[in-house]
């Protein structure tokens, strides 16, 4: 995609950012008194879901992994080696650039012109693109990528639902886009995250906390297109399907863009708390990738020392 297409991508693709957020964990918010932590399998899902609904991405990262892993990820953030969990999002690696583009002084006027020139009232073209991307996305999730079987099942349903929503949504409506732009620009500026260096300087917890207004603005903008993510989060039913020792399966059922989603996620217990298995796997993999990339190369063998020249004997008489 061309650089100037970032804004439409933000409006059309970041719905997956807020809706899926890689862990596949949407469930109704439980009262704080009854869900102080994640000491039961379904509570682990509900706790993360409550954080997503509250746009508390820092709390999500804190409760998604054990404390020792969280500390290692925080260190890796400061060193610029990972952006987990943002790295797990669609276009997550481009998020600093997207925020920087929205924070520029002329961002609102510039992106309004881009939308009007390329996308305004282009309903047929956008519908066709949404259908094509939906087919491609489903095929990719089913056959490619580093996904577990649980993720393939869940993400296939999400991609199909989002494709159908995008084909029916008024994404080409100039009025909605013009109303969303000031909201997104103001929220991006409020984060103070305009570069990859800013993410490293603030670290994981503070950077994710700063993302709160932007997450809320994205949700509000998508709601204006008929995609109410908070309603989806609130209406989800999460129930324990089975448990064997320190592993369990939790069934999740909810509506996304008017489409039913029904999937099962794996959870596992560590030190008395339950965590989503796929979240742990991706978090650990993020650290392993950065460790491999930054590992010092094997020491090269020292160059051979030149042998001293042998003194030549004078010729015999």
Protein backbone atom coordinates (compact mmCIF):
# COMPACT_ATOMS: atom_id res chain seq x y z
CA UNK A 1 0.00 0.00 0.00
CA UNK A 2 1.17 3.51 -0.68
CA UNK A 3 2.25 5.66 2.28
CA UNK A 4 -0.69 8.02 1.92
CA UNK A 5 -3.16 5.17 2.47
CA UNK A 6 -2.37 4.96 6.18
CA UNK A 7 -5.47 6.80 7.32
CA UNK A 8 -8.01 4.57 5.55
CA UNK A 9 -6.03 1.57 6.83
CA UNK A 10 -6.35 3.04 10.29
CA UNK A 11 -10.10 3.30 9.97
CA UNK A 12 -10.65 -0.05 8.26
CA UNK A 13 -7.95 -2.26 9.79
CA UNK A 14 -7.49 -1.02 13.35
CA UNK A 15 -10.89 -2.48 14.11
CA UNK A 16 -8.97 -5.74 14.39
CA UNK A 17 -6.51 -4.00 16.70
CA UNK A 18 -9.18 -3.28 19.24
CA UNK A 19 -11.39 -6.29 18.53
CA UNK A 20 -8.95 -9.16 18.35
CA UNK A 21 -5.78 -7.87 20.03
CA UNK A 22 -4.12 -11.25 19.30
CA UNK A 23 -5.09 -12.96 22.59
CA UNK A 24 -8.59 -13.78 21.38
CA UNK A 25 -9.95 -12.79 24.76
CA UNK A 26 -13.28 -11.03 24.77
CA UNK A 27 -15.67 -11.56 27.66
CA UNK A 28 -18.03 -9.52 29.82
CA UNK A 29 -16.41 -7.36 32.46
CA UNK A 30 -16.68 -8.95 35.87
CA UNK A 31 -17.08 -6.89 39.06
CA UNK A 32 -13.74 -6.19 40.70
CA UNK A 33 -14.80 -7.85 43.94
CA UNK A 34 -15.57 -11.17 42.25
CA UNK A 35 -12.61 -11.15 39.85
CA UNK A 36 -9.58 -9.86 41.79
CA UNK A 37 -7.23 -11.80 39.56
CA UNK A 38 -7.11 -14.76 37.24
CA UNK A 39 -7.36 -17.66 39.69
CA UNK A 40 -9.92 -19.50 37.54
CA UNK A 41 -9.71 -20.29 33.80
CA UNK A 42 -12.69 -18.21 32.69
CA UNK A 43 -11.63 -15.34 34.94
CA UNK A 44 -8.37 -15.07 33.02
CA UNK A 45 -10.39 -14.36 29.89
CA UNK A 46 -12.75 -11.97 31.66
CA UNK A 47 -9.93 -10.03 33.29
CA UNK A 48 -8.14 -9.34 30.01
CA UNK A 49 -11.44 -8.49 28.37
CA UNK A 50 -12.25 -5.94 31.04
CA UNK A 51 -8.88 -4.28 30.39
CA UNK A 52 -9.57 -4.15 26.64
CA UNK A 53 -13.01 -2.69 27.21
CA UNK A 54 -11.50 -0.04 29.52
CA UNK A 55 -8.74 0.68 26.97
CA UNK A 56 -6.25 -0.21 29.73
CA UNK A 57 -3.60 -1.75 27.51
CA UNK A 58 -0.94 -1.44 30.23
CA UNK A 59 -3.12 -3.46 32.61
CA UNK A 60 -3.69 -5.99 29.84
CA UNK A 61 0.07 -6.48 29.39
CA UNK A 62 0.54 -6.76 33.14
CA UNK A 63 -2.09 -9.48 33.62
CA UNK A 64 -1.52 -11.34 30.35
CA UNK A 65 1.84 -12.81 31.43
CA UNK A 66 3.52 -13.86 34.69
CA UNK A 67 5.43 -11.11 36.58
CA UNK A 68 8.90 -12.37 35.65
CA UNK A 69 8.04 -12.44 31.95
CA UNK A 70 6.46 -8.99 32.21
CA UNK A 71 9.67 -7.61 33.73
CA UNK A 72 11.75 -9.05 30.89
CA UNK A 73 9.39 -7.59 28.29
CA UNK A 74 9.58 -4.18 29.97
CA UNK A 75 13.37 -4.29 29.75
CA UNK A 76 13.20 -5.32 26.08
CA UNK A 77 10.88 -2.37 25.36
CA UNK A 78 13.33 0.11 26.84
CA UNK A 79 16.09 -1.43 24.76
CA UNK A 80 13.98 -1.21 21.59
CA UNK A 81 14.02 -4.99 21.06
CA UNK A 82 10.26 -5.64 21.10
CA UNK A 83 6.89 -3.90 21.13
CA UNK A 84 4.84 -6.81 22.43
CA UNK A 85 1.81 -6.90 22.55
CA UNK A 86 1.57 -4.21 19.86
CA UNK A 87 3.77 -6.34 17.60
CA UNK A 88 0.98 -8.92 17.53
CA UNK A 89 -1.52 -6.48 16.02
CA UNK A 90 -2.26 -6.05 12.33
CA UNK A 91 0.20 -3.39 11.09
CA UNK A 92 1.51 -3.15 14.65
CA UNK A 93 5.06 -2.56 13.45
CA UNK A 94 3.82 0.54 11.60
CA UNK A 95 1.99 2.01 14.59
CA UNK A 96 4.74 4.53 15.49
CA UNK A 97 4.70 5.79 11.90
CA UNK A 98 0.89 6.00 11.90
CA UNK A 99 0.88 8.02 15.12
CA UNK A 100 3.64 10.27 13.79
CA UNK A 101 1.64 10.91 10.60
CA UNK A 102 -1.45 11.84 12.63
CA UNK A 103 0.54 14.10 14.96
CA UNK A 104 1.95 16.38 12.27
CA UNK A 105 0.71 20.01 12.41
CA UNK A 106 -1.17 19.73 9.11
CA UNK A 107 -2.37 16.16 9.66
CA UNK A 108 -6.11 16.83 9.76
CA UNK A 109 -6.19 18.89 6.57
CA UNK A 110 -3.76 16.60 4.78
CA UNK A 111 -5.60 13.35 5.51
CA UNK A 112 -8.97 14.91 4.74
CA UNK A 113 -7.68 15.75 1.27
CA UNK A 114 -6.27 12.24 0.88
CA UNK A 115 -9.59 10.67 1.83
CA UNK A 116 -11.60 12.97 -0.43
CA UNK A 117 -9.29 12.34 -3.39
CA UNK A 118 -8.98 8.56 -3.08
CA UNK A 119 -11.89 7.15 -1.09
CA UNK A 120 -14.82 9.55 -0.83
CA UNK A 121 -17.97 7.91 -2.27
CA UNK A 122 -15.91 5.03 -3.71
CA UNK A 123 -18.33 2.51 -2.22
CA UNK A 124 -18.05 -0.07 -4.97
CA UNK A 125 -14.25 -0.08 -4.96
CA UNK A 126 -14.04 -0.30 -1.18
CA UNK A 127 -16.61 -3.09 -1.04
CA UNK A 128 -14.65 -5.04 -3.64
CA UNK A 129 -11.39 -4.50 -1.77
CA UNK A 130 -12.97 -5.60 1.52
CA UNK A 131 -14.23 -8.79 -0.09
CA UNK A 132 -10.86 -9.55 -1.67
CA UNK A 133 -8.94 -8.86 1.54
CA UNK A 134 -11.40 -11.04 3.44
CA UNK A 135 -10.79 -13.99 1.12
CA UNK A 136 -7.04 -13.49 1.21
CA UNK A 137 -7.05 -13.05 5.01
CA UNK A 138 -9.01 -16.25 5.59
CA UNK A 139 -6.69 -18.24 3.32
CA UNK A 140 -3.62 -16.79 5.01
CA UNK A 141 -4.84 -17.52 8.55
CA UNK A 142 -5.84 -21.05 7.60
CA UNK A 143 -2.60 -21.96 5.83
CA UNK A 144 0.20 -19.56 6.79
CA UNK A 145 1.59 -17.70 9.76
CA UNK A 146 2.57 -18.72 13.28
CA UNK A 147 -0.90 -19.56 14.58
CA UNK A 148 -2.13 -22.31 16.87
CA UNK A 149 -5.17 -24.33 15.84
CA UNK A 150 -7.24 -22.28 18.30
CA UNK A 151 -6.03 -19.03 16.73
CA UNK A 152 -6.68 -20.27 13.20
CA UNK A 153 -10.26 -21.07 14.13
CA UNK A 154 -10.84 -17.77 15.93
CA UNK A 155 -9.08 -15.48 13.46
CA UNK A 156 -10.76 -17.10 10.47
CA UNK A 157 -14.12 -16.17 11.99
CA UNK A 158 -12.91 -12.65 12.85
CA UNK A 159 -11.53 -11.96 9.36
CA UNK A 160 -14.70 -13.22 7.69
CA UNK A 161 -16.90 -11.17 10.03
CA UNK A 162 -14.83 -8.02 9.51
CA UNK A 163 -14.88 -8.46 5.73
CA UNK A 164 -18.66 -8.71 5.71
CA UNK A 165 -18.96 -5.72 8.05
CA UNK A 166 -16.62 -3.62 5.88
CA UNK A 167 -18.63 -4.42 2.75
CA UNK A 168 -21.81 -3.19 4.43
CA UNK A 169 -20.32 -0.26 6.38
CA UNK A 170 -20.34 3.30 4.97
CA UNK A 171 -16.54 3.48 4.84
CA UNK A 172 -16.64 5.82 1.85
CA UNK A 173 -18.90 8.38 3.58
CA UNK A 174 -17.02 11.72 3.68
CA UNK A 175 -19.07 13.00 6.62
CA UNK A 176 -18.06 10.15 8.90
CA UNK A 177 -14.40 10.33 7.86
CA UNK A 178 -14.28 14.09 8.37
CA UNK A 179 -15.79 13.68 11.83
CA UNK A 180 -13.38 10.89 12.79
CA UNK A 181 -10.23 12.69 11.68
CA UNK A 182 -10.11 15.42 14.35
CA UNK A 183 -10.82 12.81 17.00
CA UNK A 184 -7.98 10.53 15.85
CA UNK A 185 -5.52 13.40 15.38
CA UNK A 186 -6.20 14.82 18.85
CA UNK A 187 -5.89 11.40 20.46
CA UNK A 188 -2.65 10.62 18.62
CA UNK A 189 -1.12 13.89 19.79
CA UNK A 190 -2.23 13.17 23.33
CA UNK A 191 -0.16 9.97 23.42
CA UNK A 192 3.14 11.79 22.98
CA UNK A 193 4.35 8.76 21.00
CA UNK A 194 5.61 10.15 17.73
CA UNK A 195 8.55 7.85 17.05
CA UNK A 196 10.06 4.47 17.86
CA UNK A 197 12.44 6.30 20.19
CA UNK A 198 9.47 7.55 22.22
CA UNK A 199 8.21 3.98 22.70
CA UNK A 200 11.64 2.92 23.95
CA UNK A 201 12.03 5.95 26.20
CA UNK A 202 8.68 5.50 27.93
CA UNK A 203 8.87 1.70 28.10
CA UNK A 204 6.07 -0.82 27.83
CA UNK A 205 3.82 0.16 30.74
CA UNK A 206 3.95 3.91 30.17
CA UNK A 207 3.68 3.65 26.38
CA UNK A 208 0.63 1.38 26.59
CA UNK A 209 -0.91 3.70 29.19
CA UNK A 210 -0.38 6.59 26.80
CA UNK A 211 -2.22 4.62 24.13
CA UNK A 212 -5.47 4.77 26.16
CA UNK A 213 -6.94 7.90 24.51
CA UNK A 214 -6.05 6.64 21.05
CA UNK A 215 -7.66 3.25 21.66
CA UNK A 216 -10.81 5.02 22.87
CA UNK A 217 -10.81 7.31 19.82
CA UNK A 218 -10.47 4.36 17.43
CA UNK A 219 -13.40 2.62 19.10
CA UNK A 220 -15.52 5.76 18.97
CA UNK A 221 -14.73 6.27 15.30
CA UNK A 222 -15.55 2.67 14.44
CA UNK A 223 -18.83 2.92 16.35
CA UNK A 224 -19.82 5.72 13.97
CA UNK A 225 -19.46 3.17 11.15
CA UNK A 226 -21.67 0.67 12.93
CA UNK A 227 -18.97 -1.40 14.66
CA UNK A 228 -19.49 -1.14 18.43
CA UNK A 229 -16.58 -3.06 19.89
CA UNK A 230 -17.43 -2.32 23.50
CA UNK A 231 -20.87 -3.81 22.96
CA UNK A 232 -19.21 -6.94 21.59
CA UNK A 233 -16.95 -7.12 24.62
CA UNK A 234 -19.84 -6.66 27.03
CA UNK A 235 -22.07 -9.29 25.44
CA UNK A 236 -19.54 -12.12 25.18
CA UNK A 237 -20.19 -15.34 27.06
CA UNK A 238 -17.11 -17.15 28.41
CA UNK A 239 -17.49 -20.56 30.04
CA UNK A 240 -15.20 -23.35 31.17
CA UNK A 241 -15.36 -26.23 28.74
CA UNK A 242 -12.86 -28.61 30.33
CA UNK A 243 -9.96 -28.66 32.79
CA UNK A 244 -7.16 -31.15 33.39
CA UNK A 245 -4.74 -30.15 36.10
CA UNK A 246 -2.99 -26.93 35.08
CA UNK A 247 -4.52 -26.73 31.60
CA UNK A 248 -8.06 -25.86 30.58
CA UNK A 249 -10.25 -24.85 27.64
CA UNK A 250 -12.59 -21.85 27.71
CA UNK A 251 -15.38 -21.41 25.18
CA UNK A 252 -16.13 -17.87 23.99
CA UNK A 253 -19.26 -16.78 22.15
CA UNK A 254 -19.91 -13.20 21.05
CA UNK A 255 -21.08 -11.00 18.19
CA UNK A 256 -18.66 -9.02 16.00
CA UNK A 257 -20.13 -6.69 13.42
CA UNK A 258 -23.41 -8.58 13.72
CA UNK A 259 -21.72 -11.92 13.01
CA UNK A 260 -21.62 -14.74 15.61
CA UNK A 261 -18.19 -15.84 16.80
CA UNK A 262 -17.84 -19.16 18.63
CA UNK A 263 -14.39 -20.44 19.56
CA UNK A 264 -12.37 -22.22 22.24
CA UNK A 265 -9.11 -20.93 23.71
CA UNK A 266 -6.45 -22.74 25.71
CA UNK A 267 -5.43 -21.48 29.15
CA UNK A 268 -2.76 -22.69 31.55
CA UNK A 269 -1.91 -22.15 35.21
CA UNK A 270 1.36 -20.77 36.57
CA UNK A 271 1.90 -20.05 40.28
CA UNK A 272 -1.83 -20.18 40.95
CA UNK A 273 -2.88 -17.84 38.10
CA UNK A 274 -4.35 -18.69 34.70
CA UNK A 275 -3.05 -17.27 31.43
CA UNK A 276 -4.03 -17.62 27.78
CA UNK A 277 -1.60 -20.12 26.25
CA UNK A 278 -1.30 -18.36 22.90
CA UNK A 279 -0.53 -15.04 24.60
CA UNK A 280 2.26 -16.63 26.61
CA UNK A 281 3.64 -18.34 23.51
CA UNK A 282 3.81 -15.12 21.51
CA UNK A 283 5.28 -13.12 24.39
CA UNK A 284 8.04 -15.68 24.93
CA UNK A 285 8.67 -15.89 21.19
CA UNK A 286 9.08 -12.11 21.05
CA UNK A 287 11.88 -12.31 23.59
CA UNK A 288 13.48 -15.29 21.89
CA UNK A 289 13.53 -13.50 18.54
CA UNK A 290 15.18 -10.44 20.02
CA UNK A 291 17.67 -12.56 21.95
CA UNK A 292 18.67 -14.36 18.75
CA UNK A 293 18.96 -11.12 16.82
CA UNK A 294 21.15 -9.45 19.45
CA UNK A 295 23.30 -12.45 20.36
CA UNK A 296 26.97 -11.71 19.95
CA UNK A 297 28.48 -13.48 16.95
CA UNK A 298 30.89 -16.27 17.67
CA UNK A 299 34.42 -15.01 18.18
CA UNK A 300 36.42 -15.21 15.02
CA UNK A 301 39.65 -17.20 15.28
CA UNK A 302 42.69 -15.08 15.92
CA UNK A 303 44.74 -14.48 12.80
CA UNK A 304 47.77 -16.72 12.49
CA UNK A 305 50.94 -15.05 13.68
CA UNK A 306 53.55 -14.82 10.97
CA UNK A 307 56.40 -17.23 11.42
CA UNK A 308 59.76 -15.54 12.02
CA UNK A 309 62.01 -15.59 9.01
CA UNK A 310 64.78 -18.18 9.19
CA UNK A 311 68.25 -16.61 9.07
CA UNK A 312 70.00 -17.50 5.90
CA UNK A 313 73.38 -19.17 6.25
CA UNK A 314 76.28 -17.56 4.42
CA UNK A 315 77.49 -19.57 1.49
CA UNK A 316 80.32 -21.93 2.28
CA UNK A 317 83.73 -21.05 1.02
